C-alpha atoms as a PDB file:
ATOM      1  CA  MET A   1       0.000   0.000   0.000  1.00  0.00           C
ATOM      2  CA  GLY A   2       2.902   2.293   0.711  1.00  0.00           C
ATOM      3  CA  SER A   3       4.253   1.720  -2.774  1.00  0.00           C
ATOM      4  CA  ASN A   4       0.895   2.708  -4.313  1.00  0.00           C
ATOM      5  CA  ILE A   5       0.926   6.008  -2.426  1.00  0.00           C
ATOM      6  CA  THR A   6       4.454   6.677  -3.578  1.00  0.00           C
ATOM      7  CA  ARG A   7       3.519   6.004  -7.193  1.00  0.00           C
ATOM      8  CA  ARG A   8       0.483   8.288  -6.989  1.00  0.00           C
ATOM      9  CA  TRP A   9       2.634  11.014  -5.448  1.00  0.00           C
ATOM     10  CA  GLU A  10       5.246  10.699  -8.219  1.00  0.00           C
ATOM     11  CA  ARG A  11       2.536  10.774 -10.897  1.00  0.00           C
ATOM     12  CA  GLY A  12       1.043  13.903  -9.297  1.00  0.00           C
ATOM     13  CA  ILE A  13       4.389  15.673  -9.405  1.00  0.00           C
ATOM     14  CA  GLU A  14       4.936  14.559 -13.008  1.00  0.00           C
ATOM     15  CA  PHE A  15       1.459  15.810 -13.978  1.00  0.00           C
ATOM     16  CA  ARG A  16       2.103  19.205 -12.374  1.00  0.00           C
ATOM     17  CA  LEU A  17       5.480  19.547 -14.110  1.00  0.00           C
ATOM     18  CA  MET A  18       3.900  18.796 -17.514  1.00  0.00           C
ATOM     19  CA  ALA A  19       1.094  21.302 -16.844  1.00  0.00           C
ATOM     20  CA  ASP A  20       3.638  23.998 -15.946  1.00  0.00           C
ATOM     21  CA  LEU A  21       5.647  23.275 -19.119  1.00  0.00           C
ATOM     22  CA  GLN A  22       2.549  23.552 -21.328  1.00  0.00           C
ATOM     23  CA  GLN A  23       1.626  26.905 -19.773  1.00  0.00           C
ATOM     24  CA  SER A  24       5.130  28.283 -20.414  1.00  0.00           C
ATOM     25  CA  THR A  25       4.866  27.366 -24.114  1.00  0.00           C
ATOM     26  CA  GLY A  26       1.445  28.924 -24.553  1.00  0.00           C
ATOM     27  CA  ASP A  27      -0.462  25.625 -24.272  1.00  0.00           C
ATOM     28  CA  THR A  28       0.275  24.889 -27.926  1.00  0.00           C
ATOM     29  CA  GLY A  29       1.955  21.640 -27.263  1.00  0.00           C
ATOM     30  CA  LYS A  30       5.176  22.917 -28.904  1.00  0.00           C
ATOM     31  CA  GLU A  31       8.392  23.043 -26.994  1.00  0.00           C
ATOM     32  CA  ALA A  32       9.987  26.447 -26.404  1.00  0.00           C
ATOM     33  CA  PRO A  33      13.152  26.934 -28.502  1.00  0.00           C
ATOM     34  CA  ILE A  34      16.304  26.589 -26.517  1.00  0.00           C
ATOM     35  CA  PHE A  35      18.427  29.020 -28.629  1.00  0.00           C
ATOM     36  CA  GLY A  36      15.700  31.524 -29.522  1.00  0.00           C
ATOM     37  CA  ALA A  37      16.448  35.199 -30.209  1.00  0.00           C
ATOM     38  CA  PRO A  38      16.329  37.301 -27.028  1.00  0.00           C
ATOM     39  CA  ARG A  39      13.141  39.274 -26.640  1.00  0.00           C
ATOM     40  CA  GLY A  40      13.225  43.021 -27.365  1.00  0.00           C
ATOM     41  CA  GLU A  41      16.226  42.740 -29.777  1.00  0.00           C
ATOM     42  CA  LYS A  42      15.449  44.117 -33.267  1.00  0.00           C
ATOM     43  CA  ALA A  43      17.212  43.069 -36.455  1.00  0.00           C
ATOM     44  CA  GLY A  44      19.471  45.889 -37.864  1.00  0.00           C
ATOM     45  CA  VAL A  45      20.214  46.864 -41.510  1.00  0.00           C
ATOM     46  CA  PRO A  46      22.722  44.400 -42.998  1.00  0.00           C
ATOM     47  CA  PRO A  47      26.193  45.876 -43.772  1.00  0.00           C
ATOM     48  CA  ALA A  48      25.808  44.823 -47.440  1.00  0.00           C
ATOM     49  CA  VAL A  49      22.858  47.218 -47.820  1.00  0.00           C
ATOM     50  CA  TRP A  50      24.876  50.119 -46.404  1.00  0.00           C
ATOM     51  CA  GLY A  51      27.759  49.255 -48.740  1.00  0.00           C
ATOM     52  CA  ALA A  52      25.488  49.195 -51.806  1.00  0.00           C
ATOM     53  CA  ALA A  53      23.930  52.551 -50.847  1.00  0.00           C
ATOM     54  CA  ALA A  54      27.366  54.132 -50.425  1.00  0.00           C
ATOM     55  CA  LEU A  55      28.446  52.787 -53.823  1.00  0.00           C
ATOM     56  CA  VAL A  56      25.392  54.306 -55.506  1.00  0.00           C
ATOM     57  CA  VAL A  57      26.119  57.712 -53.931  1.00  0.00           C
ATOM     58  CA  VAL A  58      29.752  57.606 -55.115  1.00  0.00           C
ATOM     59  CA  ILE A  59      28.683  56.714 -58.677  1.00  0.00           C
ATOM     60  CA  VAL A  60      26.136  59.552 -58.803  1.00  0.00           C
ATOM     61  CA  ILE A  61      28.730  62.093 -57.602  1.00  0.00           C
ATOM     62  CA  ALA A  62      31.286  60.844 -60.152  1.00  0.00           C
ATOM     63  CA  VAL A  63      28.762  61.099 -63.025  1.00  0.00           C
ATOM     64  CA  LEU A  64      27.802  64.658 -62.048  1.00  0.00           C
ATOM     65  CA  ALA A  65      31.455  65.715 -61.806  1.00  0.00           C
ATOM     66  CA  PHE A  66      32.258  64.138 -65.192  1.00  0.00           C
ATOM     67  CA  ALA A  67      29.268  65.828 -66.848  1.00  0.00           C
ATOM     68  CA  GLY A  68      30.270  69.206 -65.413  1.00  0.00           C
ATOM     69  CA  ARG A  69      33.763  68.986 -66.853  1.00  0.00           C
ATOM     70  CA  HIS A  70      32.743  67.882 -70.342  1.00  0.00           C
ATOM     71  CA  LYS A  71      30.444  70.583 -71.567  1.00  0.00           C
ATOM     72  CA  THR A  72      29.370  70.825 -75.169  1.00  0.00           C
ATOM     73  CA  PRO A  73      31.752  73.150 -77.045  1.00  0.00           C
ATOM     74  CA  PRO A  74      30.219  76.294 -78.535  1.00  0.00           C
ATOM     75  CA  SER A  75      29.191  76.294 -82.178  1.00  0.00           C
ATOM     76  CA  PRO A  76      31.892  77.509 -84.617  1.00  0.00           C
ATOM     77  CA  ARG A  77      29.245  79.922 -85.953  1.00  0.00           C
ATOM     78  CA  THR A  78      28.879  81.607 -82.546  1.00  0.00           C
ATOM     79  CA  LEU A  79      31.110  84.578 -81.735  1.00  0.00           C
ATOM     80  CA  GLN A  80      33.421  83.681 -78.866  1.00  0.00           C
ATOM     81  CA  PRO A  81      35.475  85.891 -76.528  1.00  0.00           C
ATOM     82  CA  ALA A  82      39.095  86.637 -77.320  1.00  0.00           C
ATOM     83  CA  ASP A  83      41.784  84.412 -75.832  1.00  0.00           C
ATOM     84  CA  ALA A  84      43.653  85.754 -72.804  1.00  0.00           C
ATOM     85  CA  TYR A  85      46.971  85.709 -74.710  1.00  0.00           C
ATOM     86  CA  ALA A  86      45.448  87.436 -77.764  1.00  0.00           C
ATOM     87  CA  ALA A  87      46.581  90.840 -76.448  1.00  0.00           C
ATOM     88  CA  HIS A  88      50.183  89.664 -77.028  1.00  0.00           C
ATOM     89  CA  LEU A  89      49.469  88.618 -80.633  1.00  0.00           C
ATOM     90  CA  PRO A  90      48.595  91.800 -82.553  1.00  0.00           C
ATOM     91  CA  LEU A  91      47.511  91.296 -86.172  1.00  0.00           C
ATOM     92  CA  SER A  92      48.571  93.847 -88.769  1.00  0.00           C
ATOM     93  CA  GLN A  93      48.882  94.551 -92.525  1.00  0.00           C
ATOM     94  CA  LEU A  94      45.602  92.757 -93.289  1.00  0.00           C
ATOM     95  CA  ALA A  95      44.868  92.413 -97.017  1.00  0.00           C
ATOM     96  CA  MET A  96      42.346  90.439 -99.080  1.00  0.00           C
ATOM     97  CA  SER A  97      42.637  88.881-102.510  1.00  0.00           C
ATOM     98  CA  GLU A  98      40.871  86.397-104.769  1.00  0.00           C
ATOM     99  CA  SER A  99      41.807  83.706-107.244  1.00  0.00           C
ATOM    100  CA  GLU A 100      40.195  80.874-109.163  1.00  0.00           C
ATOM    101  CA  SER A 101      40.439  77.346-107.826  1.00  0.00           C
ATOM    102  CA  LEU A 102      41.362  74.343-109.955  1.00  0.00           C
ATOM    103  CA  SER A 103      37.695  73.330-109.973  1.00  0.00           C
ATOM    104  CA  GLY A 104      36.667  76.675-111.464  1.00  0.00           C
ATOM    105  CA  GLY A 105      35.386  78.175-108.215  1.00  0.00           C
ATOM    106  CA  LYS A 106      36.614  81.257-106.407  1.00  0.00           C
ATOM    107  CA  LEU A 107      38.971  81.338-103.435  1.00  0.00           C
ATOM    108  CA  THR A 108      39.204  84.297-101.083  1.00  0.00           C
ATOM    109  CA  TYR A 109      42.397  84.968 -99.126  1.00  0.00           C
ATOM    110  CA  LEU A 110      43.028  87.048 -96.032  1.00  0.00           C
ATOM    111  CA  ASP A 111      46.733  87.745 -95.504  1.00  0.00           C
ATOM    112  CA  GLY A 112      48.443  89.539 -92.645  1.00  0.00           C
ATOM    113  CA  HIS A 113      51.180  89.564 -90.014  1.00  0.00           C
ATOM    114  CA  VAL A 114      51.067  88.230 -86.458  1.00  0.00           C
ATOM    115  CA  GLN A 115      53.641  89.253 -83.864  1.00  0.00           C
ATOM    116  CA  ASN A 116      54.320  87.612 -80.516  1.00  0.00           C
ATOM    117  CA  THR A 117      54.908  90.409 -77.999  1.00  0.00           C
ATOM    118  CA  GLY A 118      54.486  88.150 -74.974  1.00  0.00           C
ATOM    119  CA  ASP A 119      56.861  85.841 -73.135  1.00  0.00           C
ATOM    120  CA  ARG A 120      55.410  82.475 -74.250  1.00  0.00           C
ATOM    121  CA  THR A 121      56.046  80.416 -77.386  1.00  0.00           C
ATOM    122  CA  VAL A 122      52.872  79.988 -79.435  1.00  0.00           C
ATOM    123  CA  THR A 123      52.280  76.565 -80.994  1.00  0.00           C
ATOM    124  CA  GLY A 124      48.702  76.998 -82.187  1.00  0.00           C
ATOM    125  CA  ILE A 125      46.207  79.770 -82.967  1.00  0.00           C
ATOM    126  CA  THR A 126      42.496  79.558 -83.756  1.00  0.00           C
ATOM    127  CA  VAL A 127      40.729  82.627 -85.112  1.00  0.00           C
ATOM    128  CA  GLN A 128      37.201  83.698 -85.921  1.00  0.00           C
ATOM    129  CA  VAL A 129      36.654  85.814 -89.016  1.00  0.00           C
ATOM    130  CA  VAL A 130      33.492  87.920 -88.920  1.00  0.00           C
ATOM    131  CA  PHE A 131      31.994  88.933 -92.296  1.00  0.00           C
ATOM    132  CA  ALA A 132      29.614  91.819 -91.644  1.00  0.00           C
ATOM    133  CA  ASN A 133      26.754  92.935 -93.911  1.00  0.00           C
ATOM    134  CA  ASP A 134      24.666  96.076 -94.418  1.00  0.00           C
ATOM    135  CA  LEU A 135      21.302  94.270 -94.244  1.00  0.00           C
ATOM    136  CA  LYS A 136      20.979  94.296 -90.450  1.00  0.00           C
ATOM    137  CA  MET A 137      21.349  90.533 -90.482  1.00  0.00           C
ATOM    138  CA  PRO A 138      23.641  88.496 -88.198  1.00  0.00           C
ATOM    139  CA  SER A 139      27.232  88.494 -89.402  1.00  0.00           C
ATOM    140  CA  ALA A 140      28.656  85.318 -90.919  1.00  0.00           C
ATOM    141  CA  ILE A 141      31.354  83.782 -88.705  1.00  0.00           C
ATOM    142  CA  GLU A 142      34.093  81.407 -89.840  1.00  0.00           C
ATOM    143  CA  THR A 143      36.238  79.597 -87.254  1.00  0.00           C
ATOM    144  CA  VAL A 144      39.577  78.443 -88.719  1.00  0.00           C
ATOM    145  CA  PRO A 145      43.147  77.699 -87.614  1.00  0.00           C
ATOM    146  CA  LEU A 146      45.707  80.383 -88.378  1.00  0.00           C
ATOM    147  CA  MET A 147      48.079  79.172 -91.108  1.00  0.00           C
ATOM    148  CA  LEU A 148      51.587  80.601 -91.452  1.00  0.00           C
ATOM    149  CA  ILE A 149      53.108  81.257 -94.864  1.00  0.00           C
ATOM    150  CA  ARG A 150      55.954  78.796 -95.348  1.00  0.00           C
ATOM    151  CA  MET A 151      57.105  79.990 -98.793  1.00  0.00           C
ATOM    152  CA  LYS A 152      55.963  82.383-101.521  1.00  0.00           C
ATOM    153  CA  ASP A 153      57.859  81.190-104.595  1.00  0.00           C
ATOM    154  CA  PRO A 154      56.852  79.658-106.963  1.00  0.00           C
ATOM    155  CA  TYR A 155      53.505  79.690-105.102  1.00  0.00           C
ATOM    156  CA  ILE A 156      52.303  80.512-101.624  1.00  0.00           C
ATOM    157  CA  ASP A 157      52.364  77.496 -99.353  1.00  0.00           C
ATOM    158  CA  THR A 158      51.108  77.470 -95.758  1.00  0.00           C
ATOM    159  CA  GLN A 159      51.646  75.384 -92.650  1.00  0.00           C
ATOM    160  CA  PRO A 160      50.072  75.244 -89.174  1.00  0.00           C
ATOM    161  CA  VAL A 161      51.614  77.266 -86.363  1.00  0.00           C
ATOM    162  CA  GLY A 162      52.655  74.046 -84.623  1.00  0.00           C
ATOM    163  CA  ALA A 163      55.053  73.270 -87.484  1.00  0.00           C
ATOM    164  CA  ALA A 164      56.937  76.551 -86.867  1.00  0.00           C
ATOM    165  CA  PRO A 165      56.093  77.895 -83.378  1.00  0.00           C
ATOM    166  CA  ILE A 166      56.161  81.665 -82.914  1.00  0.00           C
ATOM    167  CA  ARG A 167      58.696  82.557 -80.242  1.00  0.00           C
ATOM    168  CA  PRO A 168      58.607  85.771 -78.192  1.00  0.00           C
ATOM    169  CA  GLY A 169      59.513  88.765 -80.343  1.00  0.00           C
ATOM    170  CA  GLU A 170      58.969  87.004 -83.683  1.00  0.00           C
ATOM    171  CA  ASP A 171      56.752  88.326 -86.496  1.00  0.00           C
ATOM    172  CA  ARG A 172      55.214  85.929 -89.028  1.00  0.00           C
ATOM    173  CA  GLU A 173      53.096  86.207 -92.148  1.00  0.00           C
ATOM    174  CA  PHE A 174      49.850  84.250 -92.291  1.00  0.00           C
ATOM    175  CA  ARG A 175      47.163  83.402 -94.821  1.00  0.00           C
ATOM    176  CA  LEU A 176      43.535  82.348 -94.259  1.00  0.00           C
ATOM    177  CA  THR A 177      41.785  80.698 -97.199  1.00  0.00           C
ATOM    178  CA  PHE A 178      37.999  80.631 -97.746  1.00  0.00           C
ATOM    179  CA  GLU A 179      36.312  78.600-100.449  1.00  0.00           C
ATOM    180  CA  ALA A 180      33.179  80.703-100.085  1.00  0.00           C
ATOM    181  CA  VAL A 181      32.260  83.999 -98.476  1.00  0.00           C
ATOM    182  CA  PRO A 182      28.725  85.192 -97.656  1.00  0.00           C
ATOM    183  CA  GLU A 183      26.870  86.721-100.613  1.00  0.00           C
ATOM    184  CA  ASN A 184      25.657  89.592 -98.417  1.00  0.00           C
ATOM    185  CA  TRP A 185      29.169  90.441 -97.155  1.00  0.00           C
ATOM    186  CA  ASN A 186      29.639  94.225 -97.322  1.00  0.00           C
ATOM    187  CA  GLN A 187      33.133  93.864 -98.875  1.00  0.00           C
ATOM    188  CA  GLN A 188      34.726  95.606 -95.884  1.00  0.00           C
ATOM    189  CA  MET A 189      37.729  94.129 -94.080  1.00  0.00           C
ATOM    190  CA  PRO A 190      36.338  91.452 -91.761  1.00  0.00           C
ATOM    191  CA  GLU A 191      37.102  91.345 -88.072  1.00  0.00           C
ATOM    192  CA  VAL A 192      39.714  88.726 -87.140  1.00  0.00           C
ATOM    193  CA  ARG A 193      39.546  87.583 -83.511  1.00  0.00           C
ATOM    194  CA  ILE A 194      41.976  85.168 -81.835  1.00  0.00           C
ATOM    195  CA  ILE A 195      39.827  82.896 -79.682  1.00  0.00           C
ATOM    196  CA  HIS A 196      42.320  80.180 -78.727  1.00  0.00           C
ATOM    197  CA  THR A 197      46.079  79.801 -78.391  1.00  0.00           C
ATOM    198  CA  ASP A 198      48.323  76.860 -77.576  1.00  0.00           C
ATOM    199  CA  LEU A 199      51.319  77.965 -75.546  1.00  0.00           C
ATOM    200  CA  ASN A 200      54.644  76.552 -74.330  1.00  0.00           C
END
């Protein structure tokens, strides 16, 4: 009889332990996870997401910087400001002439002198030639490289400034050649503006 009481007592304790375990798991019959995430701890943003966001920001900044540096150059038909070194390259003795081309067309020449009064060697010059008119219409603008006269006999031959750089104090003859000039040109000496120089 004593053994029966002991067994009933052990079963009572076992029953109570099982009831307590079921209450702690929400009475769902499932066991509580042993290595569960601590309560109140929230999951943070993964480092890979932060890295990707930083990469996107860097790319956007690089694209904007690249676009700012590479602007579309102005049209050669738009009048541009004079180059900073142009004040040291006075043009003089301007004269115009015409001749027939081998194809039967007409060539127009603008000859003159350019002197380097500065302290830099000039290896390239770009000029704009402005042909005005008397019709109150926009002037025609030609943008061309300045060509130096290399020889005059038996014919006039030209070469770019880079082939014979203009050193400080030197004076050179140049020739600009135009296959066509505006029909409404007023036949007056056009304006010649130095808009770019290459210097050493």
